[in-house]
Amino acid sequence: MSHHLDSPIARQDIRLDITDLYVFGGETGTAFVINVCHSIAGPVPEPGYHPEGMYEFKVDLDGDAVEDLTYRITFDPRDAAGLQRFVLRRTSGDDAMDPNAEGTILARGTVGETVSTASGLRIWAGKAGDPFWIEPDVLHAVGHAFQDGTVIDLNGWDPTRAKNLFAGHTVYSIVLEVPNAELLGGATGNNRIGVWAVATLATDAGGWRPINRVGLPMIHPLFTQFNEDLGNRLNAGRPADDFAIYGEVVSKAIAGAVAANGTSEDPQGYGVKVAHRFFPNILPYEVGTPAAFGFVEWNGRSLTDNAPDVMFSIAANTPVRLGIGKESVTAKPSKTFPYVPRASS
């Protein structure tokens, strides 16, 4: 699981559970994608998007781990035909950090339809196939190793029988493509941005409760499978505070697993270095370049990047293979907008 069903709070209403964040070069600009409401959780009374929720793409333009732009999507309740209307707003500067800022309305539309603006911005929301893959036995072995400070125990696991836990499953996607010139209008001379996504829920008191926060993939499967309180806490707060708050616990988890596996002469030092790489929990991307989430560099994330192998291996300081890849995805992404796979049903 990249971020699927990652905490008790997120599981209370999976319409607000962000399973994945993708950022890559699209046909006409930079594409931002989040998926929610995964079918693996079972039937949902009203699937789709929470009408009292708020879905946001946060963009840092100057490397300080604080958002300079926010693209916010809100949805109406389902109508008699089961459709939802949505509104896309943009806030910038100090307003980008304020969930109550009104912002500028960029687009309005209905789920299942592509909406384009005069500037070339495009947005689509709707049911799609899940392009992510994970092998459940490897997933749980990795979780135990980093929770318990043990080796990654795959004794008895047969990689030739590896399976994709999410094959045939569906999600509800939000796909936003922003022209690069519009996206970088406030940048300070380079094309490097940092991106994360947030899902929040309106409270009775008039505020917003954080439900999910996603930057890099696989942070939760590594450290919170068996520590659900940490899962809840990682979904709150802001990236700029991540290392100060979570750096020690993550460093220790990495050091314990690395020491047990004997893959470093200095497990503690290695743990600190990797924790600094993981935090702030932001997905970096150089606008206008091909996205690739790999061992050498994290530059956005395409819909087919093998994030589990990369993140598990970096954290353990030893190769960790799932035994499956993008061929295990039953619905394939498209090269044309909205890019996400067609839903199987």
C-alpha atoms as a PDB file:
ATOM      1  CA  MET A   1       0.000   0.000   0.000  1.00  0.00           C
ATOM      2  CA  SER A   2       1.415   3.382  -0.966  1.00  0.00           C
ATOM      3  CA  HIS A   3      -0.989   5.265   1.280  1.00  0.00           C
ATOM      4  CA  HIS A   4      -4.090   3.069   1.108  1.00  0.00           C
ATOM      5  CA  LEU A   5      -6.169   2.819   4.313  1.00  0.00           C
ATOM      6  CA  ASP A   6      -3.117   4.148   6.125  1.00  0.00           C
ATOM      7  CA  SER A   7      -4.554   5.218   9.498  1.00  0.00           C
ATOM      8  CA  PRO A   8      -7.641   4.797  11.703  1.00  0.00           C
ATOM      9  CA  ILE A   9      -8.816   8.331  10.938  1.00  0.00           C
ATOM     10  CA  ALA A  10      -8.447   7.826   7.192  1.00  0.00           C
ATOM     11  CA  ARG A  11     -10.394   4.570   7.331  1.00  0.00           C
ATOM     12  CA  GLN A  12     -13.378   6.266   8.981  1.00  0.00           C
ATOM     13  CA  ASP A  13     -14.421   7.573   5.568  1.00  0.00           C
ATOM     14  CA  ILE A  14     -12.386   6.309   2.637  1.00  0.00           C
ATOM     15  CA  ARG A  15     -13.660   9.122   0.435  1.00  0.00           C
ATOM     16  CA  LEU A  16     -11.014  11.204   2.214  1.00  0.00           C
ATOM     17  CA  ASP A  17      -8.315   8.510   2.158  1.00  0.00           C
ATOM     18  CA  ILE A  18      -5.718   9.568  -0.436  1.00  0.00           C
ATOM     19  CA  THR A  19      -4.108   6.397  -1.748  1.00  0.00           C
ATOM     20  CA  ASP A  20      -1.477   7.956  -4.020  1.00  0.00           C
ATOM     21  CA  LEU A  21      -0.071  11.234  -5.305  1.00  0.00           C
ATOM     22  CA  TYR A  22       1.433  11.487  -8.794  1.00  0.00           C
ATOM     23  CA  VAL A  23       3.147  14.469 -10.456  1.00  0.00           C
ATOM     24  CA  PHE A  24       4.449  14.298 -14.028  1.00  0.00           C
ATOM     25  CA  GLY A  25       4.644  16.113 -17.329  1.00  0.00           C
ATOM     26  CA  GLY A  26       1.370  15.959 -19.218  1.00  0.00           C
ATOM     27  CA  GLU A  27       0.414  16.832 -22.772  1.00  0.00           C
ATOM     28  CA  THR A  28       0.108  20.563 -22.131  1.00  0.00           C
ATOM     29  CA  GLY A  29       1.544  21.206 -18.652  1.00  0.00           C
ATOM     30  CA  THR A  30       2.235  19.573 -15.307  1.00  0.00           C
ATOM     31  CA  ALA A  31      -0.231  16.901 -14.194  1.00  0.00           C
ATOM     32  CA  PHE A  32      -1.206  16.409 -10.559  1.00  0.00           C
ATOM     33  CA  VAL A  33      -3.168  13.281  -9.616  1.00  0.00           C
ATOM     34  CA  ILE A  34      -4.610  11.935  -6.387  1.00  0.00           C
ATOM     35  CA  ASN A  35      -6.730   8.839  -5.887  1.00  0.00           C
ATOM     36  CA  VAL A  36      -9.273   8.283  -3.110  1.00  0.00           C
ATOM     37  CA  CYS A  37     -12.131   5.930  -2.175  1.00  0.00           C
ATOM     38  CA  HIS A  38     -10.416   2.619  -2.950  1.00  0.00           C
ATOM     39  CA  SER A  39     -12.641  -0.365  -3.717  1.00  0.00           C
ATOM     40  CA  ILE A  40     -10.549  -2.692  -1.544  1.00  0.00           C
ATOM     41  CA  ALA A  41     -12.337  -1.200   1.476  1.00  0.00           C
ATOM     42  CA  GLY A  42     -15.611  -2.721   0.268  1.00  0.00           C
ATOM     43  CA  PRO A  43     -18.952  -1.113  -0.617  1.00  0.00           C
ATOM     44  CA  VAL A  44     -19.452   2.524   0.329  1.00  0.00           C
ATOM     45  CA  PRO A  45     -22.992   3.927   0.768  1.00  0.00           C
ATOM     46  CA  GLU A  46     -22.165   6.946  -1.391  1.00  0.00           C
ATOM     47  CA  PRO A  47     -18.890   6.358  -3.268  1.00  0.00           C
ATOM     48  CA  GLY A  48     -16.914   9.202  -4.756  1.00  0.00           C
ATOM     49  CA  TYR A  49     -15.872  12.419  -3.019  1.00  0.00           C
ATOM     50  CA  HIS A  50     -16.907  13.725   0.392  1.00  0.00           C
ATOM     51  CA  PRO A  51     -19.243  16.733   0.036  1.00  0.00           C
ATOM     52  CA  GLU A  52     -18.004  18.132   3.345  1.00  0.00           C
ATOM     53  CA  GLY A  53     -14.361  17.522   2.480  1.00  0.00           C
ATOM     54  CA  MET A  54     -11.662  19.521   0.762  1.00  0.00           C
ATOM     55  CA  TYR A  55      -8.979  18.088  -1.523  1.00  0.00           C
ATOM     56  CA  GLU A  56      -5.862  20.177  -2.079  1.00  0.00           C
ATOM     57  CA  PHE A  57      -2.674  20.060  -4.125  1.00  0.00           C
ATOM     58  CA  LYS A  58       0.003  22.056  -2.312  1.00  0.00           C
ATOM     59  CA  VAL A  59       2.938  23.489  -4.289  1.00  0.00           C
ATOM     60  CA  ASP A  60       6.162  24.879  -2.818  1.00  0.00           C
ATOM     61  CA  LEU A  61       7.995  27.106  -5.303  1.00  0.00           C
ATOM     62  CA  ASP A  62      11.053  28.166  -3.305  1.00  0.00           C
ATOM     63  CA  GLY A  63      12.224  25.096  -1.375  1.00  0.00           C
ATOM     64  CA  ASP A  64      11.187  26.153   2.127  1.00  0.00           C
ATOM     65  CA  ALA A  65       8.654  23.298   2.574  1.00  0.00           C
ATOM     66  CA  VAL A  66       5.808  25.825   2.828  1.00  0.00           C
ATOM     67  CA  GLU A  67       3.124  26.006   0.160  1.00  0.00           C
ATOM     68  CA  ASP A  68       3.112  29.007  -2.177  1.00  0.00           C
ATOM     69  CA  LEU A  69       0.177  27.744  -4.257  1.00  0.00           C
ATOM     70  CA  THR A  70      -2.830  25.646  -3.355  1.00  0.00           C
ATOM     71  CA  TYR A  71      -5.258  24.145  -5.842  1.00  0.00           C
ATOM     72  CA  ARG A  72      -8.413  23.248  -3.909  1.00  0.00           C
ATOM     73  CA  ILE A  73     -11.246  21.031  -5.120  1.00  0.00           C
ATOM     74  CA  THR A  74     -14.597  20.727  -3.324  1.00  0.00           C
ATOM     75  CA  PHE A  75     -17.602  18.638  -4.306  1.00  0.00           C
ATOM     76  CA  ASP A  76     -21.372  18.886  -3.973  1.00  0.00           C
ATOM     77  CA  PRO A  77     -23.392  15.917  -2.695  1.00  0.00           C
ATOM     78  CA  ARG A  78     -24.390  13.278  -5.246  1.00  0.00           C
ATOM     79  CA  ASP A  79     -27.495  14.210  -7.190  1.00  0.00           C
ATOM     80  CA  ALA A  80     -30.367  11.902  -8.126  1.00  0.00           C
ATOM     81  CA  ALA A  81     -28.306  10.508 -11.013  1.00  0.00           C
ATOM     82  CA  GLY A  82     -25.338   9.814  -8.737  1.00  0.00           C
ATOM     83  CA  LEU A  83     -23.252  12.675 -10.150  1.00  0.00           C
ATOM     84  CA  GLN A  84     -21.276  15.269  -8.195  1.00  0.00           C
ATOM     85  CA  ARG A  85     -20.418  18.788  -9.239  1.00  0.00           C
ATOM     86  CA  PHE A  86     -17.110  20.313  -8.223  1.00  0.00           C
ATOM     87  CA  VAL A  87     -15.374  23.677  -7.922  1.00  0.00           C
ATOM     88  CA  LEU A  88     -11.641  24.262  -8.393  1.00  0.00           C
ATOM     89  CA  ARG A  89     -10.080  27.221  -6.585  1.00  0.00           C
ATOM     90  CA  ARG A  90      -6.532  28.586  -6.442  1.00  0.00           C
ATOM     91  CA  THR A  91      -4.938  30.420  -3.525  1.00  0.00           C
ATOM     92  CA  SER A  92      -1.430  31.852  -3.381  1.00  0.00           C
ATOM     93  CA  GLY A  93       0.995  33.533  -0.997  1.00  0.00           C
ATOM     94  CA  ASP A  94      -0.122  33.533   2.631  1.00  0.00           C
ATOM     95  CA  ASP A  95      -3.613  32.478   1.529  1.00  0.00           C
ATOM     96  CA  ALA A  96      -2.192  29.196   0.237  1.00  0.00           C
ATOM     97  CA  MET A  97      -1.708  28.128   3.861  1.00  0.00           C
ATOM     98  CA  ASP A  98      -5.170  29.239   4.971  1.00  0.00           C
ATOM     99  CA  PRO A  99      -7.929  26.615   4.562  1.00  0.00           C
ATOM    100  CA  ASN A 100     -10.529  29.357   4.968  1.00  0.00           C
ATOM    101  CA  ALA A 101      -9.148  31.630   2.252  1.00  0.00           C
ATOM    102  CA  GLU A 102     -11.734  32.131  -0.489  1.00  0.00           C
ATOM    103  CA  GLY A 103      -9.290  31.986  -3.380  1.00  0.00           C
ATOM    104  CA  THR A 104     -10.024  32.420  -7.085  1.00  0.00           C
ATOM    105  CA  ILE A 105     -12.464  30.093  -8.802  1.00  0.00           C
ATOM    106  CA  LEU A 106     -10.735  28.582 -11.837  1.00  0.00           C
ATOM    107  CA  ALA A 107     -13.258  25.996 -12.982  1.00  0.00           C
ATOM    108  CA  ARG A 108     -16.562  24.314 -12.275  1.00  0.00           C
ATOM    109  CA  GLY A 109     -17.607  20.944 -13.580  1.00  0.00           C
ATOM    110  CA  THR A 110     -19.229  17.564 -13.116  1.00  0.00           C
ATOM    111  CA  VAL A 111     -17.580  14.259 -12.280  1.00  0.00           C
ATOM    112  CA  GLY A 112     -16.752  12.290 -15.425  1.00  0.00           C
ATOM    113  CA  GLU A 113     -16.341  15.348 -17.670  1.00  0.00           C
ATOM    114  CA  THR A 114     -13.152  17.155 -18.657  1.00  0.00           C
ATOM    115  CA  VAL A 115     -13.224  20.889 -17.946  1.00  0.00           C
ATOM    116  CA  SER A 116     -10.768  23.210 -19.726  1.00  0.00           C
ATOM    117  CA  THR A 117     -10.133  26.900 -19.080  1.00  0.00           C
ATOM    118  CA  ALA A 118      -9.027  29.655 -21.424  1.00  0.00           C
ATOM    119  CA  SER A 119      -5.494  29.469 -20.007  1.00  0.00           C
ATOM    120  CA  GLY A 120      -5.189  25.785 -20.898  1.00  0.00           C
ATOM    121  CA  LEU A 121      -5.740  24.377 -17.413  1.00  0.00           C
ATOM    122  CA  ARG A 122      -7.674  21.087 -17.384  1.00  0.00           C
ATOM    123  CA  ILE A 123      -9.373  19.111 -14.616  1.00  0.00           C
ATOM    124  CA  TRP A 124     -11.160  15.764 -14.493  1.00  0.00           C
ATOM    125  CA  ALA A 125     -12.563  13.746 -11.614  1.00  0.00           C
ATOM    126  CA  GLY A 126     -14.118  10.315 -11.743  1.00  0.00           C
ATOM    127  CA  LYS A 127     -13.875   6.576 -11.217  1.00  0.00           C
ATOM    128  CA  ALA A 128     -10.675   4.950 -12.497  1.00  0.00           C
ATOM    129  CA  GLY A 129      -8.556   1.841 -12.226  1.00  0.00           C
ATOM    130  CA  ASP A 130      -5.790   1.806  -9.613  1.00  0.00           C
ATOM    131  CA  PRO A 131      -2.376   1.826 -11.382  1.00  0.00           C
ATOM    132  CA  PHE A 132      -0.476   1.045  -8.169  1.00  0.00           C
ATOM    133  CA  TRP A 133       0.722  -2.443  -7.337  1.00  0.00           C
ATOM    134  CA  ILE A 134       1.889  -4.119  -4.118  1.00  0.00           C
ATOM    135  CA  GLU A 135       2.698  -7.666  -3.010  1.00  0.00           C
ATOM    136  CA  PRO A 136       1.013  -8.293   0.365  1.00  0.00           C
ATOM    137  CA  ASP A 137       3.556 -10.763   1.806  1.00  0.00           C
ATOM    138  CA  VAL A 138       6.476  -8.432   1.099  1.00  0.00           C
ATOM    139  CA  LEU A 139       4.456  -5.477   2.373  1.00  0.00           C
ATOM    140  CA  HIS A 140       3.813  -7.076   5.759  1.00  0.00           C
ATOM    141  CA  ALA A 141       7.363  -8.438   6.111  1.00  0.00           C
ATOM    142  CA  VAL A 142       8.765  -4.947   5.562  1.00  0.00           C
ATOM    143  CA  GLY A 143       6.328  -3.447   8.055  1.00  0.00           C
ATOM    144  CA  HIS A 144       7.343  -5.935  10.752  1.00  0.00           C
ATOM    145  CA  ALA A 145      11.058  -5.355  10.125  1.00  0.00           C
ATOM    146  CA  PHE A 146      10.844  -1.601  10.637  1.00  0.00           C
ATOM    147  CA  GLN A 147       8.440  -1.853  13.547  1.00  0.00           C
ATOM    148  CA  ASP A 148      10.340  -4.595  15.413  1.00  0.00           C
ATOM    149  CA  GLY A 149      13.942  -3.917  14.376  1.00  0.00           C
ATOM    150  CA  THR A 150      14.345  -7.297  12.688  1.00  0.00           C
ATOM    151  CA  VAL A 151      15.399  -8.747   9.370  1.00  0.00           C
ATOM    152  CA  ILE A 152      12.952  -8.620   6.495  1.00  0.00           C
ATOM    153  CA  ASP A 153      11.782 -12.194   6.872  1.00  0.00           C
ATOM    154  CA  LEU A 154      10.659 -13.614   3.544  1.00  0.00           C
ATOM    155  CA  ASN A 155      11.393 -17.252   4.363  1.00  0.00           C
ATOM    156  CA  GLY A 156       8.842 -19.418   2.603  1.00  0.00           C
ATOM    157  CA  TRP A 157       7.804 -16.640   0.236  1.00  0.00           C
ATOM    158  CA  ASP A 158       7.904 -17.690  -3.409  1.00  0.00           C
ATOM    159  CA  PRO A 159       8.462 -14.691  -5.715  1.00  0.00           C
ATOM    160  CA  THR A 160       7.187 -16.715  -8.685  1.00  0.00           C
ATOM    161  CA  ARG A 161       3.778 -16.715  -6.993  1.00  0.00           C
ATOM    162  CA  ALA A 162       3.803 -12.981  -6.194  1.00  0.00           C
ATOM    163  CA  LYS A 163       0.469 -11.266  -6.699  1.00  0.00           C
ATOM    164  CA  ASN A 164      -0.799  -7.714  -6.979  1.00  0.00           C
ATOM    165  CA  LEU A 165      -3.127  -7.031  -4.064  1.00  0.00           C
ATOM    166  CA  PHE A 166      -4.838  -4.245  -6.024  1.00  0.00           C
ATOM    167  CA  ALA A 167      -5.339  -5.978  -9.373  1.00  0.00           C
ATOM    168  CA  GLY A 168      -8.806  -5.174 -10.696  1.00  0.00           C
ATOM    169  CA  HIS A 169      -9.544  -2.576  -8.019  1.00  0.00           C
ATOM    170  CA  THR A 170     -10.821   0.940  -8.594  1.00  0.00           C
ATOM    171  CA  VAL A 171     -10.352   4.411  -7.140  1.00  0.00           C
ATOM    172  CA  TYR A 172     -11.858   7.843  -7.608  1.00  0.00           C
ATOM    173  CA  SER A 173      -9.276  10.160  -9.170  1.00  0.00           C
ATOM    174  CA  ILE A 174      -8.769  13.893  -9.320  1.00  0.00           C
ATOM    175  CA  VAL A 175      -6.556  14.899 -12.253  1.00  0.00           C
ATOM    176  CA  LEU A 176      -5.406  18.503 -12.617  1.00  0.00           C
ATOM    177  CA  GLU A 177      -3.141  19.713 -15.434  1.00  0.00           C
ATOM    178  CA  VAL A 178      -1.707  23.220 -15.099  1.00  0.00           C
ATOM    179  CA  PRO A 179       0.201  25.042 -17.873  1.00  0.00           C
ATOM    180  CA  ASN A 180       3.827  25.313 -16.814  1.00  0.00           C
ATOM    181  CA  ALA A 181       4.000  29.082 -17.275  1.00  0.00           C
ATOM    182  CA  GLU A 182       0.953  29.507 -15.059  1.00  0.00           C
ATOM    183  CA  LEU A 183       2.338  27.129 -12.445  1.00  0.00           C
ATOM    184  CA  LEU A 184       5.762  28.808 -12.254  1.00  0.00           C
ATOM    185  CA  GLY A 185       4.532  32.393 -12.407  1.00  0.00           C
ATOM    186  CA  GLY A 186       5.729  33.110  -8.866  1.00  0.00           C
ATOM    187  CA  ALA A 187       8.909  31.004  -8.892  1.00  0.00           C
ATOM    188  CA  THR A 188      12.346  32.421  -8.143  1.00  0.00           C
ATOM    189  CA  GLY A 189      14.363  31.432 -11.193  1.00  0.00           C
ATOM    190  CA  ASN A 190      14.220  27.632 -11.240  1.00  0.00           C
ATOM    191  CA  ASN A 191      11.731  24.990 -12.247  1.00  0.00           C
ATOM    192  CA  ARG A 192      12.034  22.849  -9.119  1.00  0.00           C
ATOM    193  CA  ILE A 193       8.829  22.504  -7.129  1.00  0.00           C
ATOM    194  CA  GLY A 194       7.728  20.438  -4.152  1.00  0.00           C
ATOM    195  CA  VAL A 195       4.256  18.917  -4.021  1.00  0.00           C
ATOM    196  CA  TRP A 196       2.025  17.299  -1.452  1.00  0.00           C
ATOM    197  CA  ALA A 197      -1.695  16.654  -1.214  1.00  0.00           C
ATOM    198  CA  VAL A 198      -4.076  17.092   1.697  1.00  0.00           C
ATOM    199  CA  ALA A 199      -7.613  15.916   2.408  1.00  0.00           C
ATOM    200  CA  THR A 200      -9.516  17.649   5.208  1.00  0.00           C
ATOM    201  CA  LEU A 201     -13.010  17.453   6.639  1.00  0.00           C
ATOM    202  CA  ALA A 202     -15.206  20.329   7.787  1.00  0.00           C
ATOM    203  CA  THR A 203     -15.881  20.336  11.530  1.00  0.00           C
ATOM    204  CA  ASP A 204     -19.022  21.391  13.380  1.00  0.00           C
ATOM    205  CA  ALA A 205     -17.019  24.245  14.889  1.00  0.00           C
ATOM    206  CA  GLY A 206     -16.317  25.713  11.468  1.00  0.00           C
ATOM    207  CA  GLY A 207     -12.723  24.565  11.080  1.00  0.00           C
ATOM    208  CA  TRP A 208     -11.044  21.821   9.085  1.00  0.00           C
ATOM    209  CA  ARG A 209      -9.838  18.494  10.462  1.00  0.00           C
ATOM    210  CA  PRO A 210      -6.800  16.967   8.706  1.00  0.00           C
ATOM    211  CA  ILE A 211      -7.523  13.447   7.483  1.00  0.00           C
ATOM    212  CA  ASN A 212      -4.738  12.617   5.035  1.00  0.00           C
ATOM    213  CA  ARG A 213      -1.456  14.151   3.882  1.00  0.00           C
ATOM    214  CA  VAL A 214       0.589  12.569   1.096  1.00  0.00           C
ATOM    215  CA  GLY A 215       3.970  13.518  -0.350  1.00  0.00           C
ATOM    216  CA  LEU A 216       6.425  10.694  -0.962  1.00  0.00           C
ATOM    217  CA  PRO A 217       4.981   7.223  -1.504  1.00  0.00           C
ATOM    218  CA  MET A 218       5.440   4.312   0.920  1.00  0.00           C
ATOM    219  CA  ILE A 219       6.173   6.314   4.093  1.00  0.00           C
ATOM    220  CA  HIS A 220       3.163   4.804   5.868  1.00  0.00           C
ATOM    221  CA  PRO A 221       3.768   1.184   4.778  1.00  0.00           C
ATOM    222  CA  LEU A 222       7.315   1.439   6.089  1.00  0.00           C
ATOM    223  CA  PHE A 223       6.595   2.937   9.490  1.00  0.00           C
ATOM    224  CA  THR A 224       2.918   2.814  10.446  1.00  0.00           C
ATOM    225  CA  GLN A 225       1.499  -0.594   9.497  1.00  0.00           C
ATOM    226  CA  PHE A 226       1.751  -1.637  13.136  1.00  0.00           C
ATOM    227  CA  ASN A 227       1.856   1.829  14.724  1.00  0.00           C
ATOM    228  CA  GLU A 228      -1.499   3.380  13.908  1.00  0.00           C
ATOM    229  CA  ASP A 229      -1.097   6.326  16.264  1.00  0.00           C
ATOM    230  CA  LEU A 230       1.946   7.363  14.239  1.00  0.00           C
ATOM    231  CA  GLY A 231      -0.165   6.958  11.102  1.00  0.00           C
ATOM    232  CA  ASN A 232      -2.720   9.431  12.408  1.00  0.00           C
ATOM    233  CA  ARG A 233      -0.052  11.921  13.444  1.00  0.00           C
ATOM    234  CA  LEU A 234       1.851  11.763  10.148  1.00  0.00           C
ATOM    235  CA  ASN A 235      -1.334  12.780   8.348  1.00  0.00           C
ATOM    236  CA  ALA A 236      -1.595  15.979  10.363  1.00  0.00           C
ATOM    237  CA  GLY A 237       0.783  18.899  10.646  1.00  0.00           C
ATOM    238  CA  ARG A 238       2.851  20.434   7.877  1.00  0.00           C
ATOM    239  CA  PRO A 239       5.938  19.254   5.966  1.00  0.00           C
ATOM    240  CA  ALA A 240       8.228  21.954   7.358  1.00  0.00           C
ATOM    241  CA  ASP A 241       7.890  20.399  10.828  1.00  0.00           C
ATOM    242  CA  ASP A 242       8.252  16.750   9.789  1.00  0.00           C
ATOM    243  CA  PHE A 243      11.860  16.083  10.724  1.00  0.00           C
ATOM    244  CA  ALA A 244      11.640  17.908  14.045  1.00  0.00           C
ATOM    245  CA  ILE A 245       8.571  15.888  15.051  1.00  0.00           C
ATOM    246  CA  TYR A 246       9.095  12.503  13.387  1.00  0.00           C
ATOM    247  CA  GLY A 247      12.797  12.388  12.532  1.00  0.00           C
ATOM    248  CA  GLU A 248      13.855  10.548  15.681  1.00  0.00           C
ATOM    249  CA  VAL A 249      11.240   7.788  15.541  1.00  0.00           C
ATOM    250  CA  VAL A 250      11.849   7.162  11.842  1.00  0.00           C
ATOM    251  CA  SER A 251      15.649   7.250  12.259  1.00  0.00           C
ATOM    252  CA  LYS A 252      15.412   4.634  15.013  1.00  0.00           C
ATOM    253  CA  ALA A 253      13.115   2.411  12.955  1.00  0.00           C
ATOM    254  CA  ILE A 254      15.509   2.498  10.014  1.00  0.00           C
ATOM    255  CA  ALA A 255      18.556   1.925  12.227  1.00  0.00           C
ATOM    256  CA  GLY A 256      16.928  -1.094  13.885  1.00  0.00           C
ATOM    257  CA  ALA A 257      16.105  -2.813  10.602  1.00  0.00           C
ATOM    258  CA  VAL A 258      19.451  -1.943   9.027  1.00  0.00           C
ATOM    259  CA  ALA A 259      21.336  -3.222  12.072  1.00  0.00           C
ATOM    260  CA  ALA A 260      19.365  -6.485  12.058  1.00  0.00           C
ATOM    261  CA  ASN A 261      20.046  -6.946   8.356  1.00  0.00           C
ATOM    262  CA  GLY A 262      23.728  -6.046   8.791  1.00  0.00           C
ATOM    263  CA  THR A 263      23.728  -3.658   5.837  1.00  0.00           C
ATOM    264  CA  SER A 264      25.584  -0.727   7.413  1.00  0.00           C
ATOM    265  CA  GLU A 265      28.596  -0.224   9.676  1.00  0.00           C
ATOM    266  CA  ASP A 266      26.773   2.751  11.186  1.00  0.00           C
ATOM    267  CA  PRO A 267      23.041   1.958  11.363  1.00  0.00           C
ATOM    268  CA  GLN A 268      22.236   5.028  13.469  1.00  0.00           C
ATOM    269  CA  GLY A 269      24.016   7.374  11.095  1.00  0.00           C
ATOM    270  CA  TYR A 270      22.354   5.739   8.117  1.00  0.00           C
ATOM    271  CA  GLY A 271      18.958   6.070   9.791  1.00  0.00           C
ATOM    272  CA  VAL A 272      19.423   9.798  10.318  1.00  0.00           C
ATOM    273  CA  LYS A 273      20.514  10.354   6.712  1.00  0.00           C
ATOM    274  CA  VAL A 274      17.521   8.507   5.307  1.00  0.00           C
ATOM    275  CA  ALA A 275      15.138  10.291   7.676  1.00  0.00           C
ATOM    276  CA  HIS A 276      16.520  13.582   6.360  1.00  0.00           C
ATOM    277  CA  ARG A 277      15.849  12.337   2.837  1.00  0.00           C
ATOM    278  CA  PHE A 278      12.284  11.314   3.713  1.00  0.00           C
ATOM    279  CA  PHE A 279      11.478  14.561   5.548  1.00  0.00           C
ATOM    280  CA  PRO A 280      10.027  17.017   4.832  1.00  0.00           C
ATOM    281  CA  ASN A 281       7.542  14.619   3.261  1.00  0.00           C
ATOM    282  CA  ILE A 282       7.281  16.342  -0.114  1.00  0.00           C
ATOM    283  CA  LEU A 283       7.458  14.991  -3.659  1.00  0.00           C
ATOM    284  CA  PRO A 284      10.035  17.020  -5.645  1.00  0.00           C
ATOM    285  CA  TYR A 285       9.671  17.650  -9.364  1.00  0.00           C
ATOM    286  CA  GLU A 286      11.483  19.700 -11.994  1.00  0.00           C
ATOM    287  CA  VAL A 287       8.760  21.163 -14.167  1.00  0.00           C
ATOM    288  CA  GLY A 288       9.087  20.314 -17.837  1.00  0.00           C
ATOM    289  CA  THR A 289      11.170  17.152 -17.371  1.00  0.00           C
ATOM    290  CA  PRO A 290      10.198  13.461 -17.524  1.00  0.00           C
ATOM    291  CA  ALA A 291       9.012  12.221 -14.149  1.00  0.00           C
ATOM    292  CA  ALA A 292      10.967   9.332 -12.616  1.00  0.00           C
ATOM    293  CA  PHE A 293      10.776   8.037  -9.061  1.00  0.00           C
ATOM    294  CA  GLY A 294      13.991   6.022  -8.835  1.00  0.00           C
ATOM    295  CA  PHE A 295      16.957   5.171  -6.650  1.00  0.00           C
ATOM    296  CA  VAL A 296      19.215   7.988  -7.843  1.00  0.00           C
ATOM    297  CA  GLU A 297      16.639  10.763  -7.949  1.00  0.00           C
ATOM    298  CA  TRP A 298      13.052  11.490  -7.013  1.00  0.00           C
ATOM    299  CA  ASN A 299      11.672  13.662  -9.767  1.00  0.00           C
ATOM    300  CA  GLY A 300       7.921  13.577  -9.554  1.00  0.00           C
ATOM    301  CA  ARG A 301       6.182  10.237  -9.914  1.00  0.00           C
ATOM    302  CA  SER A 302       4.604   8.746 -13.008  1.00  0.00           C
ATOM    303  CA  LEU A 303       1.619   6.420 -12.875  1.00  0.00           C
ATOM    304  CA  THR A 304       3.905   3.422 -13.549  1.00  0.00           C
ATOM    305  CA  ASP A 305       6.950   4.100 -11.335  1.00  0.00           C
ATOM    306  CA  ASN A 306       7.926   1.245  -9.008  1.00  0.00           C
ATOM    307  CA  ALA A 307       7.804   3.149  -5.729  1.00  0.00           C
ATOM    308  CA  PRO A 308       7.732   0.096  -3.388  1.00  0.00           C
ATOM    309  CA  ASP A 309      11.023  -1.410  -4.611  1.00  0.00           C
ATOM    310  CA  VAL A 310      12.688   2.010  -4.417  1.00  0.00           C
ATOM    311  CA  MET A 311      11.517   3.049  -0.964  1.00  0.00           C
ATOM    312  CA  PHE A 312      11.803  -0.369   0.696  1.00  0.00           C
ATOM    313  CA  SER A 313      15.347  -0.849  -0.622  1.00  0.00           C
ATOM    314  CA  ILE A 314      16.537   2.634   0.359  1.00  0.00           C
ATOM    315  CA  ALA A 315      15.164   2.285   3.886  1.00  0.00           C
ATOM    316  CA  ALA A 316      16.606  -1.213   4.395  1.00  0.00           C
ATOM    317  CA  ASN A 317      19.885  -0.449   2.596  1.00  0.00           C
ATOM    318  CA  THR A 318      19.501  -3.727   0.763  1.00  0.00           C
ATOM    319  CA  PRO A 319      17.546  -4.809  -2.330  1.00  0.00           C
ATOM    320  CA  VAL A 320      13.886  -5.561  -1.650  1.00  0.00           C
ATOM    321  CA  ARG A 321      11.906  -6.844  -4.619  1.00  0.00           C
ATOM    322  CA  LEU A 322       8.163  -7.363  -4.900  1.00  0.00           C
ATOM    323  CA  GLY A 323       8.409  -9.979  -7.614  1.00  0.00           C
ATOM    324  CA  ILE A 324       5.818  -8.055  -9.671  1.00  0.00           C
ATOM    325  CA  GLY A 325       5.752  -4.830 -11.637  1.00  0.00           C
ATOM    326  CA  LYS A 326       3.509  -2.671 -13.766  1.00  0.00           C
ATOM    327  CA  GLU A 327       2.537  -5.706 -15.845  1.00  0.00           C
ATOM    328  CA  SER A 328       0.405  -6.786 -12.853  1.00  0.00           C
ATOM    329  CA  VAL A 329      -1.852  -3.719 -13.229  1.00  0.00           C
ATOM    330  CA  THR A 330      -5.009  -4.911 -14.950  1.00  0.00           C
ATOM    331  CA  ALA A 331      -6.067  -1.454 -16.206  1.00  0.00           C
ATOM    332  CA  LYS A 332      -3.338   0.496 -17.991  1.00  0.00           C
ATOM    333  CA  PRO A 333      -2.757   4.263 -17.809  1.00  0.00           C
ATOM    334  CA  SER A 334      -3.195   6.382 -20.923  1.00  0.00           C
ATOM    335  CA  LYS A 335      -0.779   8.812 -22.557  1.00  0.00           C
ATOM    336  CA  THR A 336      -3.629  11.271 -23.067  1.00  0.00           C
ATOM    337  CA  PHE A 337      -5.587  13.297 -20.534  1.00  0.00           C
ATOM    338  CA  PRO A 338      -6.815  12.359 -17.947  1.00  0.00           C
ATOM    339  CA  TYR A 339      -4.064   9.697 -18.012  1.00  0.00           C
ATOM    340  CA  VAL A 340      -5.495   7.430 -15.282  1.00  0.00           C
ATOM    341  CA  PRO A 341      -6.632   3.885 -16.202  1.00  0.00           C
ATOM    342  CA  ARG A 342     -10.219   3.241 -17.144  1.00  0.00           C
ATOM    343  CA  ALA A 343     -12.268   1.704 -14.353  1.00  0.00           C
ATOM    344  CA  SER A 344     -12.853  -2.006 -14.747  1.00  0.00           C
ATOM    345  CA  SER A 345     -16.498  -1.601 -13.771  1.00  0.00           C
END
